[in-house]
PDB file of N, CA and C in Angstrom:
ATOM      1  N   UNK A   1      -6.443  -9.761  -8.567  1.00  0.00           N
ATOM      2  CA  UNK A   1      -5.731 -10.418  -7.527  1.00  0.00           C
ATOM      3  C   UNK A   1      -4.789 -11.108  -8.210  1.00  0.00           C
ATOM      4  N   UNK A   2      -3.691 -11.128  -7.262  1.00  0.00           N
ATOM      5  CA  UNK A   2      -2.111 -11.497  -7.166  1.00  0.00           C
ATOM      6  C   UNK A   2      -1.685 -12.088  -6.199  1.00  0.00           C
ATOM      7  N   UNK A   3      -1.253 -13.701  -6.675  1.00  0.00           N
ATOM      8  CA  UNK A   3      -0.823 -14.597  -5.760  1.00  0.00           C
ATOM      9  C   UNK A   3       0.453 -14.530  -5.445  1.00  0.00           C
ATOM     10  N   UNK A   4       0.926 -14.988  -4.083  1.00  0.00           N
ATOM     11  CA  UNK A   4       2.610 -15.335  -3.875  1.00  0.00           C
ATOM     12  C   UNK A   4       2.938 -16.585  -4.310  1.00  0.00           C
ATOM     13  N   UNK A   5       4.447 -17.122  -3.917  1.00  0.00           N
ATOM     14  CA  UNK A   5       4.666 -18.257  -4.136  1.00  0.00           C
ATOM     15  C   UNK A   5       3.823 -19.624  -3.927  1.00  0.00           C
ATOM     16  N   UNK A   6       3.510 -19.270  -2.442  1.00  0.00           N
ATOM     17  CA  UNK A   6       2.697 -20.391  -1.471  1.00  0.00           C
ATOM     18  C   UNK A   6       1.261 -20.386  -2.096  1.00  0.00           C
ATOM     19  N   UNK A   7       1.050 -19.488  -2.906  1.00  0.00           N
ATOM     20  CA  UNK A   7      -0.193 -19.483  -3.286  1.00  0.00           C
ATOM     21  C   UNK A   7      -1.457 -18.576  -2.644  1.00  0.00           C
ATOM     22  N   UNK A   8      -0.537 -17.932  -1.310  1.00  0.00           N
ATOM     23  CA  UNK A   8      -1.654 -17.000  -0.954  1.00  0.00           C
ATOM     24  C   UNK A   8      -2.032 -15.535  -1.631  1.00  0.00           C
ATOM     25  N   UNK A   9      -2.942 -15.089  -1.474  1.00  0.00           N
ATOM     26  CA  UNK A   9      -3.519 -13.681  -1.998  1.00  0.00           C
ATOM     27  C   UNK A   9      -2.465 -12.367  -1.549  1.00  0.00           C
ATOM     28  N   UNK A  10      -1.486 -12.007  -2.137  1.00  0.00           N
ATOM     29  CA  UNK A  10      -0.870 -10.757  -1.786  1.00  0.00           C
ATOM     30  C   UNK A  10      -1.546  -9.411  -1.951  1.00  0.00           C
ATOM     31  N   UNK A  11      -2.586  -9.233  -3.053  1.00  0.00           N
ATOM     32  CA  UNK A  11      -3.450  -8.241  -3.097  1.00  0.00           C
ATOM     33  C   UNK A  11      -4.721  -8.554  -3.707  1.00  0.00           C
ATOM     34  N   UNK A  12      -5.637  -7.614  -3.626  1.00  0.00           N
ATOM     35  CA  UNK A  12      -7.186  -7.551  -4.500  1.00  0.00           C
ATOM     36  C   UNK A  12      -7.544  -6.245  -4.757  1.00  0.00           C
ATOM     37  N   UNK A  13      -7.768  -6.076  -6.121  1.00  0.00           N
ATOM     38  CA  UNK A  13      -8.268  -4.641  -6.489  1.00  0.00           C
ATOM     39  C   UNK A  13      -9.661  -4.755  -6.987  1.00  0.00           C
ATOM     40  N   UNK A  14     -10.521  -4.053  -6.474  1.00  0.00           N
ATOM     41  CA  UNK A  14     -11.715  -3.740  -7.037  1.00  0.00           C
ATOM     42  C   UNK A  14     -12.025  -2.562  -7.056  1.00  0.00           C
ATOM     43  N   UNK A  15     -12.361  -2.309  -8.576  1.00  0.00           N
ATOM     44  CA  UNK A  15     -12.615  -0.695  -8.817  1.00  0.00           C
ATOM     45  C   UNK A  15     -11.091  -0.091  -8.596  1.00  0.00           C
ATOM     46  N   UNK A  16     -11.137   0.737  -8.005  1.00  0.00           N
ATOM     47  CA  UNK A  16      -9.808   1.766  -7.768  1.00  0.00           C
ATOM     48  C   UNK A  16      -9.418   1.365  -6.394  1.00  0.00           C
ATOM     49  N   UNK A  17      -9.845   0.618  -5.614  1.00  0.00           N
ATOM     50  CA  UNK A  17      -9.325   0.276  -4.045  1.00  0.00           C
ATOM     51  C   UNK A  17      -8.390  -0.816  -4.153  1.00  0.00           C
ATOM     52  N   UNK A  18      -7.460  -0.830  -3.799  1.00  0.00           N
ATOM     53  CA  UNK A  18      -6.546  -2.218  -3.341  1.00  0.00           C
ATOM     54  C   UNK A  18      -6.452  -2.231  -2.022  1.00  0.00           C
ATOM     55  N   UNK A  19      -6.326  -3.725  -1.565  1.00  0.00           N
ATOM     56  CA  UNK A  19      -6.169  -4.212  -0.341  1.00  0.00           C
ATOM     57  C   UNK A  19      -4.893  -4.978  -0.541  1.00  0.00           C
ATOM     58  N   UNK A  20      -3.693  -4.996   0.337  1.00  0.00           N
ATOM     59  CA  UNK A  20      -2.724  -5.825   0.322  1.00  0.00           C
ATOM     60  C   UNK A  20      -2.785  -6.780   1.635  1.00  0.00           C
ATOM     61  N   UNK A  21      -2.150  -7.792   1.682  1.00  0.00           N
ATOM     62  CA  UNK A  21      -2.266  -8.782   2.398  1.00  0.00           C
ATOM     63  C   UNK A  21      -0.897  -9.245   2.692  1.00  0.00           C
ATOM     64  N   UNK A  22      -0.543  -9.718   4.492  1.00  0.00           N
ATOM     65  CA  UNK A  22       0.599 -10.029   4.542  1.00  0.00           C
ATOM     66  C   UNK A  22       0.561 -11.440   5.355  1.00  0.00           C
ATOM     67  N   UNK A  23       1.821 -12.386   5.217  1.00  0.00           N
ATOM     68  CA  UNK A  23       1.710 -13.740   5.914  1.00  0.00           C
ATOM     69  C   UNK A  23       3.133 -13.767   6.661  1.00  0.00           C
ATOM     70  N   UNK A  24       2.794 -14.840   7.847  1.00  0.00           N
ATOM     71  CA  UNK A  24       4.339 -14.850   8.616  1.00  0.00           C
ATOM     72  C   UNK A  24       4.912 -16.125   7.814  1.00  0.00           C
ATOM     73  N   UNK A  25       6.104 -16.514   8.467  1.00  0.00           N
ATOM     74  CA  UNK A  25       6.594 -17.884   7.854  1.00  0.00           C
ATOM     75  C   UNK A  25       5.787 -18.974   7.673  1.00  0.00           C
ATOM     76  N   UNK A  26       4.704 -19.212   8.133  1.00  0.00           N
ATOM     77  CA  UNK A  26       3.774 -20.223   8.219  1.00  0.00           C
ATOM     78  C   UNK A  26       3.046 -20.021   7.199  1.00  0.00           C
ATOM     79  N   UNK A  27       3.183 -18.933   6.515  1.00  0.00           N
ATOM     80  CA  UNK A  27       1.692 -18.673   5.335  1.00  0.00           C
ATOM     81  C   UNK A  27       0.661 -18.713   5.899  1.00  0.00           C
ATOM     82  N   UNK A  28       0.748 -18.158   7.041  1.00  0.00           N
ATOM     83  CA  UNK A  28      -0.761 -17.574   7.916  1.00  0.00           C
ATOM     84  C   UNK A  28      -1.233 -16.729   7.605  1.00  0.00           C
ATOM     85  N   UNK A  29      -2.223 -15.786   6.998  1.00  0.00           N
ATOM     86  CA  UNK A  29      -2.493 -14.197   7.108  1.00  0.00           C
ATOM     87  C   UNK A  29      -2.403 -13.943   8.591  1.00  0.00           C
ATOM     88  N   UNK A  30      -1.407 -12.654   8.446  1.00  0.00           N
ATOM     89  CA  UNK A  30      -1.291 -11.855   9.554  1.00  0.00           C
ATOM     90  C   UNK A  30      -1.784 -10.425   9.627  1.00  0.00           C
ATOM     91  N   UNK A  31      -2.423  -9.850   8.470  1.00  0.00           N
ATOM     92  CA  UNK A  31      -2.942  -8.710   8.123  1.00  0.00           C
ATOM     93  C   UNK A  31      -3.392  -8.225   6.661  1.00  0.00           C
ATOM     94  N   UNK A  32      -3.964  -7.403   6.621  1.00  0.00           N
ATOM     95  CA  UNK A  32      -4.522  -6.568   5.411  1.00  0.00           C
ATOM     96  C   UNK A  32      -4.600  -5.018   5.575  1.00  0.00           C
ATOM     97  N   UNK A  33      -3.994  -4.565   4.461  1.00  0.00           N
ATOM     98  CA  UNK A  33      -4.102  -3.115   4.893  1.00  0.00           C
ATOM     99  C   UNK A  33      -4.664  -2.347   3.398  1.00  0.00           C
ATOM    100  N   UNK A  34      -4.962  -1.245   3.278  1.00  0.00           N
ATOM    101  CA  UNK A  34      -5.542  -0.604   2.075  1.00  0.00           C
ATOM    102  C   UNK A  34      -6.790  -0.254   2.156  1.00  0.00           C
ATOM    103  N   UNK A  35      -7.612  -0.787   1.237  1.00  0.00           N
ATOM    104  CA  UNK A  35      -9.034  -0.694   1.148  1.00  0.00           C
ATOM    105  C   UNK A  35      -9.789  -1.511   2.765  1.00  0.00           C
ATOM    106  N   UNK A  36      -9.090  -2.591   2.819  1.00  0.00           N
ATOM    107  CA  UNK A  36      -9.723  -3.215   3.892  1.00  0.00           C
ATOM    108  C   UNK A  36      -8.694  -3.293   4.875  1.00  0.00           C
ATOM    109  N   UNK A  37      -8.821  -3.507   6.303  1.00  0.00           N
ATOM    110  CA  UNK A  37      -7.542  -3.316   6.836  1.00  0.00           C
ATOM    111  C   UNK A  37      -8.271  -4.238   8.267  1.00  0.00           C
ATOM    112  N   UNK A  38      -7.088  -4.934   8.720  1.00  0.00           N
ATOM    113  CA  UNK A  38      -7.194  -5.758   9.883  1.00  0.00           C
ATOM    114  C   UNK A  38      -5.959  -6.608  10.273  1.00  0.00           C
ATOM    115  N   UNK A  39      -5.888  -7.143  11.249  1.00  0.00           N
ATOM    116  CA  UNK A  39      -4.789  -8.101  11.891  1.00  0.00           C
ATOM    117  C   UNK A  39      -5.208  -9.356  12.027  1.00  0.00           C
ATOM    118  N   UNK A  40      -4.546 -10.493  11.917  1.00  0.00           N
ATOM    119  CA  UNK A  40      -4.791 -11.832  12.716  1.00  0.00           C
ATOM    120  C   UNK A  40      -3.655 -12.435  13.320  1.00  0.00           C
ATOM    121  N   UNK A  41      -3.936 -13.148  14.371  1.00  0.00           N
ATOM    122  CA  UNK A  41      -3.409 -13.712  15.550  1.00  0.00           C
ATOM    123  C   UNK A  41      -3.684 -15.222  15.616  1.00  0.00           C
ATOM    124  N   UNK A  42      -2.647 -15.797  15.744  1.00  0.00           N
ATOM    125  CA  UNK A  42      -2.758 -17.362  15.793  1.00  0.00           C
ATOM    126  C   UNK A  42      -2.243 -17.973  16.963  1.00  0.00           C
ATOM    127  N   UNK A  43      -2.777 -19.176  17.839  1.00  0.00           N
ATOM    128  CA  UNK A  43      -2.387 -19.670  18.828  1.00  0.00           C
ATOM    129  C   UNK A  43      -1.579 -20.926  18.582  1.00  0.00           C
ATOM    130  N   UNK A  44      -0.899 -21.494  19.425  1.00  0.00           N
ATOM    131  CA  UNK A  44      -0.039 -22.327  19.178  1.00  0.00           C
ATOM    132  C   UNK A  44      -0.669 -23.643  18.420  1.00  0.00           C
ATOM    133  N   UNK A  45      -1.681 -23.919  18.316  1.00  0.00           N
ATOM    134  CA  UNK A  45      -2.465 -24.761  17.565  1.00  0.00           C
ATOM    135  C   UNK A  45      -2.485 -24.434  16.264  1.00  0.00           C
ATOM    136  N   UNK A  46      -2.229 -23.050  15.672  1.00  0.00           N
ATOM    137  CA  UNK A  46      -2.404 -22.648  14.319  1.00  0.00           C
ATOM    138  C   UNK A  46      -3.691 -21.779  14.116  1.00  0.00           C
TER     139      UNK A  46
END
């Protein structure tokens, strides 16, 4: 597991499979790609 400056996970490796995580300027998770994939959105309340 790797973490960014704000403490959010940037990647996770299990066996030979890696998942990468992306965040917006508010440090909210916006997506993941690789072994796991998905996207996230937030309303005005976060």
